[in-house]
Amino acid sequence: MIKTPKLATRLLFGLAAATASMAASVAAQAAELVIGEIHPITGPAAFYGLPESQAIKAAADEINTSGGVKVGNTSYQIVIKTADDQASPTVGVAALRKLLGEGAKFIIGPIASGVAPALKPIIESRPDVIQLIDGSIADGLTNGKTIFRNQASVQTYNDALTRLTKARAYPTVAIMTDRFHAGFMGSQKPLVDALEGQGNKVVAQEYHKLNDTDFAAQLTKIAALKPAALVLRGYPAEGALITKTARHLGYQGQVIWEFVSPPSTVLKNISSAEMEGVLNAIPPTSQDYVALGNEKALKLEARLKKMFNAEIGELSTLSYDAVYIFKAAIEKAGTLESTAVAKAFTQLKTTDVPMAINPYAPGEGGLLFTDGQVTLPGGVQIWKGNGWQPLANLKPN
């Protein structure tokens, strides 16, 4: 008789504890922060996109392990949803709509300069969606309100190129450009004007497109003009084939690339010996930071190896940084509400993202973004042996 109430009390306490535990479990499951990412996981630009996607997942894992994204008294675990754009505008639009349909309001990507302009009208029609571009360098993508970019602009690439051609005083330059690359095509005339304004006469402008394999007609014309420098603007597979063809046609001048080029992709189409001495005017890549002993880049490289048994990609640090930028903006906003997070993006300072690997130059007041765009230093690499090395001195040795 005496034991019955105690048993009932224990059962009630047990039931209450179980209920509380279930509630806590439900709350914990609900504390998720969804970030969508759009990159070419398959297709001709997968050598860019897959490493970027892996770096995003590595950053999310690192943040989640360290306690998540803190908003008030709640710690959110980041959930990454991946969409494959195959570097195709049509596929990219479908990929974005899929992510939005799955409830993703925070988007990282894309890289392809043909895809990014196709996504912009959709992003701008949804004021509750915030996009951070970690790859495409095309002009006119950011709006400083809901679309931001932590990759360099095409102007940064062109600035590095013009500093190089000025320092080396090439009297004549020929240019071959991928006509489907929106960033390069949109900046072709300003680049030509800048080159000619500093004494590098542009004697030829020829064009090709992604997946082309025969460049003999364009290069025969260029070789006959004997320009001191041949500037290639596009993607690495075609760049390697163009360089190889130019050498076979007897071109003896300086070949200069202007695009991110993983050695593993380059060497599928050209030998290391044929690449020796080729220059590349681009901002420092992830592999440059690793080569320079950057501790955070080395840590990311080790995490990618552990998680995916994969090497760090040229753009991996940009994608890694993008997750930390979202974390900083959300914690600064103190909410997941899009309007507040977008405002926080405009107020972020470079010092608010201490985990960032890339050396973003602070804007006015220390801000990370100016009109939605970061400032990254340009640079030049030179091919030596089996890969790229940073070039400290722009003038010939």
Protein backbone atom coordinates (compact mmCIF):
# COMPACT_ATOMS: atom_id res chain seq x y z
CA MET A 1 0.00 0.00 0.00
CA ILE A 2 2.83 2.34 0.87
CA LYS A 3 4.95 1.37 -2.18
CA THR A 4 2.25 2.08 -4.74
CA PRO A 5 2.38 5.94 -4.53
CA LYS A 6 6.20 5.86 -4.66
CA LEU A 7 6.09 3.66 -7.70
CA ALA A 8 3.57 5.95 -9.33
CA THR A 9 5.70 8.97 -8.46
CA ARG A 10 8.77 7.32 -9.98
CA LEU A 11 6.80 6.46 -13.08
CA LEU A 12 5.60 10.05 -13.35
CA PHE A 13 9.11 11.39 -12.88
CA GLY A 14 10.37 8.86 -15.37
CA LEU A 15 7.73 9.82 -17.88
CA ALA A 16 8.49 13.52 -17.36
CA ALA A 17 12.21 12.89 -17.80
CA ALA A 18 11.58 10.87 -20.93
CA THR A 19 9.32 13.59 -22.28
CA ALA A 20 11.93 16.25 -21.49
CA SER A 21 14.58 14.12 -23.13
CA MET A 22 12.44 13.68 -26.23
CA ALA A 23 11.76 17.43 -26.31
CA ALA A 24 15.45 18.15 -26.01
CA SER A 25 16.14 15.66 -28.76
CA VAL A 26 13.55 17.27 -31.03
CA ALA A 27 14.97 20.71 -30.22
CA ALA A 28 18.46 19.49 -30.98
CA GLN A 29 17.30 18.01 -34.28
CA ALA A 30 15.54 21.27 -35.12
CA ALA A 31 18.65 23.37 -34.48
CA GLU A 32 19.94 23.02 -37.99
CA LEU A 33 21.23 25.69 -40.33
CA VAL A 34 20.89 24.76 -43.99
CA ILE A 35 23.43 26.15 -46.45
CA GLY A 36 23.07 25.27 -50.13
CA GLU A 37 26.04 25.11 -52.46
CA ILE A 38 26.08 25.07 -56.27
CA HIS A 39 29.21 23.86 -58.03
CA PRO A 40 30.10 21.63 -61.01
CA ILE A 41 30.41 18.29 -59.23
CA THR A 42 30.40 16.53 -62.59
CA GLY A 43 31.16 17.69 -66.14
CA PRO A 44 34.06 19.61 -67.72
CA ALA A 45 34.71 21.88 -64.72
CA ALA A 46 34.44 19.24 -61.98
CA PHE A 47 38.14 19.66 -61.24
CA TYR A 48 37.15 23.08 -59.84
CA GLY A 49 33.79 22.24 -58.32
CA LEU A 50 34.38 19.01 -56.45
CA PRO A 51 37.29 20.37 -54.36
CA GLU A 52 35.21 23.46 -53.61
CA SER A 53 32.29 21.32 -52.43
CA GLN A 54 34.62 19.25 -50.26
CA ALA A 55 36.12 22.37 -48.68
CA ILE A 56 32.63 23.63 -47.81
CA LYS A 57 31.83 20.34 -46.09
CA ALA A 58 35.18 20.42 -44.28
CA ALA A 59 34.48 23.92 -42.94
CA ALA A 60 30.97 22.90 -41.84
CA ASP A 61 32.35 19.83 -40.07
CA GLU A 62 34.96 21.96 -38.33
CA ILE A 63 32.34 24.48 -37.18
CA ASN A 64 29.89 21.80 -36.05
CA THR A 65 32.59 20.01 -34.08
CA SER A 66 33.51 23.28 -32.39
CA GLY A 67 29.96 23.94 -31.20
CA GLY A 68 28.14 25.15 -34.29
CA VAL A 69 26.79 28.58 -35.20
CA LYS A 70 25.65 30.40 -32.05
CA VAL A 71 22.49 32.49 -32.20
CA GLY A 72 21.34 33.61 -28.75
CA ASN A 73 21.17 30.50 -26.59
CA THR A 74 20.92 28.16 -29.55
CA SER A 75 23.82 26.46 -31.31
CA TYR A 76 22.97 25.50 -34.88
CA GLN A 77 24.60 22.61 -36.66
CA ILE A 78 25.31 23.39 -40.31
CA VAL A 79 23.72 21.07 -42.87
CA ILE A 80 25.16 21.36 -46.39
CA LYS A 81 22.90 20.66 -49.36
CA THR A 82 24.79 20.21 -52.62
CA ALA A 83 23.51 20.89 -56.14
CA ASP A 84 25.50 20.01 -59.29
CA ASP A 85 25.37 22.70 -62.00
CA GLN A 86 27.72 20.83 -64.39
CA ALA A 87 29.04 24.32 -65.38
CA SER A 88 25.87 24.68 -67.49
CA PRO A 89 23.56 27.71 -67.13
CA THR A 90 20.47 25.60 -67.79
CA VAL A 91 21.44 22.92 -65.30
CA GLY A 92 22.52 25.62 -62.83
CA VAL A 93 19.11 27.29 -62.86
CA ALA A 94 17.45 23.93 -62.17
CA ALA A 95 19.97 23.24 -59.40
CA LEU A 96 19.25 26.57 -57.71
CA ARG A 97 15.49 26.05 -57.92
CA LYS A 98 15.98 22.61 -56.34
CA LEU A 99 17.91 24.10 -53.42
CA LEU A 100 15.33 26.84 -52.89
CA GLY A 101 12.60 24.22 -52.98
CA GLU A 102 14.41 22.36 -50.22
CA GLY A 103 14.34 25.47 -48.03
CA ALA A 104 17.93 26.71 -48.51
CA LYS A 105 18.07 30.50 -48.11
CA PHE A 106 21.84 30.79 -47.86
CA ILE A 107 23.68 29.85 -51.06
CA ILE A 108 27.42 29.46 -51.81
CA GLY A 109 28.59 29.38 -55.44
CA PRO A 110 28.79 29.05 -58.38
CA ILE A 111 32.20 29.11 -60.08
CA ALA A 112 31.31 29.02 -63.77
CA SER A 113 31.06 32.51 -65.22
CA GLY A 114 28.39 31.25 -67.59
CA VAL A 115 26.23 29.98 -64.72
CA ALA A 116 26.45 32.91 -62.29
CA PRO A 117 24.68 35.49 -64.53
CA ALA A 118 21.87 32.97 -65.15
CA LEU A 119 21.27 32.63 -61.40
CA LYS A 120 21.31 36.34 -60.61
CA PRO A 121 17.70 37.20 -61.64
CA ILE A 122 16.37 34.30 -59.57
CA ILE A 123 18.37 35.34 -56.51
CA GLU A 124 17.26 38.96 -56.86
CA SER A 125 13.62 37.90 -57.16
CA ARG A 126 13.91 36.30 -53.73
CA PRO A 127 14.86 38.92 -51.12
CA ASP A 128 14.95 36.17 -48.49
CA VAL A 129 17.88 34.47 -50.27
CA ILE A 130 21.53 35.45 -49.72
CA GLN A 131 24.24 34.32 -52.15
CA LEU A 132 28.00 34.31 -51.59
CA ILE A 133 29.91 33.64 -54.83
CA ASP A 134 33.16 31.75 -54.23
CA GLY A 135 34.28 31.20 -57.83
CA SER A 136 32.92 33.18 -60.74
CA ILE A 137 34.92 36.32 -61.60
CA ALA A 138 32.43 37.79 -64.09
CA ASP A 139 31.58 41.47 -63.76
CA GLY A 140 28.18 42.71 -62.59
CA LEU A 141 27.28 39.81 -60.33
CA THR A 142 27.21 41.39 -56.87
CA ASN A 143 24.56 43.87 -55.73
CA GLY A 144 25.85 44.61 -52.21
CA LYS A 145 22.42 43.74 -50.78
CA THR A 146 21.82 40.01 -51.13
CA ILE A 147 24.61 38.92 -53.51
CA PHE A 148 28.20 39.02 -52.31
CA ARG A 149 31.49 37.57 -53.58
CA ASN A 150 34.63 36.49 -51.72
CA GLN A 151 36.46 35.61 -54.97
CA ALA A 152 38.51 38.22 -56.79
CA SER A 153 36.86 40.12 -59.62
CA VAL A 154 38.04 39.76 -63.21
CA GLN A 155 39.59 43.21 -62.81
CA THR A 156 41.96 41.78 -60.17
CA TYR A 157 43.10 39.21 -62.74
CA ASN A 158 43.54 41.89 -65.40
CA ASP A 159 45.46 44.13 -62.99
CA ALA A 160 47.93 41.31 -62.31
CA LEU A 161 48.30 40.73 -66.06
CA THR A 162 48.88 44.37 -66.93
CA ARG A 163 51.44 44.79 -64.13
CA LEU A 164 53.31 41.81 -65.55
CA THR A 165 53.23 42.95 -69.18
CA LYS A 166 54.27 46.47 -68.14
CA ALA A 167 57.15 45.21 -66.00
CA ARG A 168 58.40 43.03 -68.85
CA ALA A 169 57.73 45.71 -71.47
CA TYR A 170 56.41 43.34 -74.15
CA PRO A 171 56.20 45.44 -77.35
CA THR A 172 53.46 43.26 -78.87
CA VAL A 173 50.77 40.99 -77.40
CA ALA A 174 48.25 38.56 -78.90
CA ILE A 175 45.17 37.40 -76.99
CA MET A 176 43.09 34.20 -77.26
CA THR A 177 39.86 34.22 -75.23
CA ASP A 178 37.12 31.67 -74.49
CA ARG A 179 34.11 33.40 -76.03
CA PHE A 180 31.73 31.64 -73.59
CA HIS A 181 33.55 33.00 -70.52
CA ALA A 182 31.38 35.95 -69.51
CA GLY A 183 34.01 37.49 -67.24
CA PHE A 184 36.80 37.48 -69.81
CA MET A 185 34.62 38.52 -72.73
CA GLY A 186 33.07 41.37 -70.74
CA SER A 187 36.49 42.72 -69.77
CA GLN A 188 38.28 42.21 -73.10
CA LYS A 189 38.05 45.80 -74.37
CA PRO A 190 39.14 47.43 -71.07
CA LEU A 191 42.06 45.00 -70.96
CA VAL A 192 43.12 45.81 -74.53
CA ASP A 193 42.85 49.54 -73.76
CA ALA A 194 44.97 49.11 -70.62
CA LEU A 195 47.64 47.09 -72.45
CA GLU A 196 47.91 49.52 -75.34
CA GLY A 197 47.84 52.48 -72.93
CA GLN A 198 51.03 51.23 -71.31
CA GLY A 199 52.82 50.38 -74.57
CA ASN A 200 51.90 46.69 -75.09
CA LYS A 201 50.46 46.81 -78.63
CA VAL A 202 47.73 44.18 -79.12
CA VAL A 203 48.34 42.73 -82.59
CA ALA A 204 45.69 39.96 -82.56
CA GLN A 205 42.52 38.91 -80.74
CA GLU A 206 41.36 35.37 -81.48
CA TYR A 207 38.65 33.27 -79.82
CA HIS A 208 37.77 29.67 -78.93
CA LYS A 209 35.30 27.94 -76.64
CA LEU A 210 35.20 25.33 -73.88
CA ASN A 211 35.89 21.78 -75.11
CA ASP A 212 37.51 22.94 -78.38
CA THR A 213 40.52 20.82 -79.35
CA ASP A 214 41.70 22.33 -82.67
CA PHE A 215 43.28 25.78 -82.48
CA ALA A 216 45.57 25.59 -85.51
CA ALA A 217 43.72 28.25 -87.57
CA GLN A 218 43.88 30.93 -84.85
CA LEU A 219 47.44 30.10 -83.85
CA THR A 220 48.75 30.07 -87.42
CA LYS A 221 47.62 33.69 -87.76
CA ILE A 222 49.14 34.62 -84.41
CA ALA A 223 52.45 32.83 -85.04
CA ALA A 224 52.87 34.75 -88.30
CA LEU A 225 52.68 38.04 -86.36
CA LYS A 226 55.36 36.90 -83.88
CA PRO A 227 53.97 38.70 -80.81
CA ALA A 228 56.31 38.95 -77.82
CA ALA A 229 53.59 37.54 -75.55
CA LEU A 230 50.57 35.29 -76.10
CA VAL A 231 47.84 35.78 -73.46
CA LEU A 232 45.34 32.94 -72.97
CA ARG A 233 42.01 33.58 -71.20
CA GLY A 234 39.69 30.66 -70.53
CA TYR A 235 40.10 27.28 -68.86
CA PRO A 236 43.11 25.00 -68.27
CA ALA A 237 42.33 22.07 -70.56
CA GLU A 238 42.07 24.35 -73.59
CA GLY A 239 44.98 26.47 -72.31
CA ALA A 240 47.23 23.44 -72.26
CA LEU A 241 46.24 22.40 -75.79
CA ILE A 242 46.68 25.95 -77.11
CA THR A 243 50.13 26.22 -75.53
CA LYS A 244 51.13 22.85 -76.94
CA THR A 245 49.88 23.74 -80.43
CA ALA A 246 51.59 27.14 -80.36
CA ARG A 247 54.91 25.54 -79.55
CA HIS A 248 54.46 22.94 -82.30
CA LEU A 249 53.79 25.78 -84.77
CA GLY A 250 57.09 27.37 -83.77
CA TYR A 251 55.89 30.18 -81.51
CA GLN A 252 58.87 31.25 -79.36
CA GLY A 253 57.38 34.13 -77.33
CA GLN A 254 56.19 34.20 -73.72
CA VAL A 255 52.93 32.35 -73.05
CA ILE A 256 50.84 33.91 -70.26
CA TRP A 257 47.70 32.29 -68.82
CA GLU A 258 45.01 34.12 -66.89
CA PHE A 259 42.99 31.40 -65.17
CA VAL A 260 43.13 29.00 -62.22
CA SER A 261 44.77 25.82 -63.48
CA PRO A 262 45.19 22.64 -61.41
CA PRO A 263 48.41 20.88 -62.55
CA SER A 264 46.57 17.56 -62.63
CA THR A 265 44.22 18.96 -65.29
CA VAL A 266 46.96 20.79 -67.19
CA LEU A 267 49.18 17.71 -67.49
CA LYS A 268 46.43 15.66 -69.11
CA ASN A 269 46.98 17.71 -72.27
CA ILE A 270 50.62 18.84 -72.23
CA SER A 271 53.95 17.70 -70.80
CA SER A 272 55.74 19.44 -67.93
CA ALA A 273 58.63 20.23 -70.26
CA GLU A 274 56.30 22.04 -72.68
CA MET A 275 54.83 24.02 -69.76
CA GLU A 276 58.18 25.12 -68.35
CA GLY A 277 58.32 28.91 -67.97
CA VAL A 278 54.64 29.59 -68.74
CA LEU A 279 53.35 32.44 -66.55
CA ASN A 280 49.91 32.73 -64.94
CA ALA A 281 48.50 36.08 -63.79
CA ILE A 282 45.99 35.22 -61.06
CA PRO A 283 45.53 35.85 -57.32
CA PRO A 284 47.33 33.36 -55.03
CA THR A 285 45.63 29.95 -54.95
CA SER A 286 45.10 27.48 -52.12
CA GLN A 287 48.18 25.60 -53.25
CA ASP A 288 50.22 28.82 -53.08
CA TYR A 289 49.18 29.24 -49.45
CA VAL A 290 50.13 25.63 -48.74
CA ALA A 291 53.49 26.12 -50.47
CA LEU A 292 54.09 29.27 -48.41
CA GLY A 293 53.42 27.34 -45.18
CA ASN A 294 50.14 29.07 -44.25
CA GLU A 295 49.08 27.15 -41.12
CA LYS A 296 45.33 27.41 -41.76
CA ALA A 297 45.77 26.25 -45.35
CA LEU A 298 47.88 23.32 -44.18
CA LYS A 299 45.17 22.44 -41.62
CA LEU A 300 42.51 22.49 -44.33
CA GLU A 301 44.70 20.36 -46.58
CA ALA A 302 45.01 17.76 -43.79
CA ARG A 303 41.26 17.79 -43.07
CA LEU A 304 40.43 17.26 -46.77
CA LYS A 305 42.83 14.35 -46.86
CA LYS A 306 41.24 12.82 -43.77
CA MET A 307 37.61 13.38 -44.77
CA PHE A 308 37.77 12.69 -48.51
CA ASN A 309 41.26 11.34 -49.22
CA ALA A 310 41.44 14.30 -51.60
CA GLU A 311 44.02 16.97 -52.37
CA ILE A 312 43.32 20.63 -51.77
CA GLY A 313 42.00 22.40 -54.89
CA GLU A 314 43.09 25.80 -56.22
CA LEU A 315 39.89 27.46 -55.01
CA SER A 316 39.30 25.37 -51.87
CA THR A 317 40.26 28.15 -49.46
CA LEU A 318 37.66 30.49 -50.97
CA SER A 319 34.90 27.93 -50.44
CA TYR A 320 36.15 27.19 -46.91
CA ASP A 321 36.16 30.91 -46.11
CA ALA A 322 32.62 31.28 -47.49
CA VAL A 323 31.18 29.03 -44.76
CA TYR A 324 32.97 31.01 -42.07
CA ILE A 325 31.72 34.27 -43.58
CA PHE A 326 28.13 33.01 -43.33
CA LYS A 327 28.81 31.95 -39.72
CA ALA A 328 30.18 35.40 -38.86
CA ALA A 329 27.26 37.22 -40.50
CA ILE A 330 24.59 35.07 -38.83
CA GLU A 331 26.19 35.41 -35.40
CA LYS A 332 26.56 39.15 -35.94
CA ALA A 333 22.87 39.38 -36.93
CA GLY A 334 21.83 37.27 -33.92
CA THR A 335 19.15 35.62 -36.02
CA LEU A 336 18.62 33.47 -39.10
CA GLU A 337 16.20 36.02 -40.51
CA SER A 338 17.44 36.89 -44.00
CA THR A 339 17.07 40.68 -43.90
CA ALA A 340 19.14 40.90 -40.72
CA VAL A 341 21.77 38.49 -42.04
CA ALA A 342 22.05 40.45 -45.31
CA LYS A 343 22.55 43.66 -43.33
CA ALA A 344 25.20 41.92 -41.22
CA PHE A 345 27.04 40.97 -44.43
CA THR A 346 27.35 44.68 -45.29
CA GLN A 347 28.72 45.42 -41.80
CA LEU A 348 31.23 42.57 -41.58
CA LYS A 349 34.82 43.55 -41.06
CA THR A 350 37.77 41.46 -42.10
CA THR A 351 38.55 40.98 -38.40
CA ASP A 352 35.10 39.36 -37.89
CA VAL A 353 36.28 36.30 -39.85
CA PRO A 354 39.49 35.25 -38.12
CA MET A 355 39.34 31.74 -39.57
CA ALA A 356 39.51 33.05 -43.15
CA ILE A 357 42.56 31.79 -45.02
CA ASN A 358 42.64 34.31 -47.85
CA PRO A 359 44.16 37.73 -47.03
CA TYR A 360 41.15 39.95 -47.76
CA ALA A 361 42.21 43.60 -47.77
CA PRO A 362 40.00 45.72 -45.50
CA GLY A 363 37.88 48.36 -47.16
CA GLU A 364 36.78 51.66 -45.66
CA GLY A 365 36.28 51.25 -41.92
CA GLY A 366 37.80 47.78 -42.09
CA LEU A 367 34.81 46.36 -44.00
CA LEU A 368 35.13 42.98 -45.72
CA PHE A 369 32.81 43.87 -48.61
CA THR A 370 32.56 47.02 -50.70
CA ASP A 371 29.38 46.91 -52.80
CA GLY A 372 29.33 43.17 -52.16
CA GLN A 373 32.89 42.56 -53.40
CA VAL A 374 36.02 41.67 -51.40
CA THR A 375 39.48 42.89 -52.33
CA LEU A 376 42.10 40.22 -52.92
CA PRO A 377 45.69 40.79 -54.04
CA GLY A 378 46.68 39.82 -57.56
CA GLY A 379 49.80 37.81 -58.31
CA VAL A 380 51.78 35.86 -60.88
CA GLN A 381 52.82 32.21 -60.93
CA ILE A 382 55.43 30.48 -63.05
CA TRP A 383 55.42 26.83 -64.11
CA LYS A 384 58.54 25.02 -62.90
CA GLY A 385 58.95 21.27 -62.89
CA ASN A 386 55.54 19.72 -62.32
CA GLY A 387 53.53 22.71 -61.17
CA TRP A 388 53.07 26.38 -60.41
CA GLN A 389 55.24 28.42 -58.09
CA PRO A 390 54.65 31.99 -56.88
CA LEU A 391 56.71 34.51 -58.89
CA ALA A 392 58.15 37.18 -56.62
CA ASN A 393 59.97 39.24 -59.25
CA LEU A 394 57.93 40.27 -62.30
CA LYS A 395 61.00 41.26 -64.32
CA PRO A 396 62.99 38.60 -66.19
CA ASN A 397 65.95 37.18 -64.31
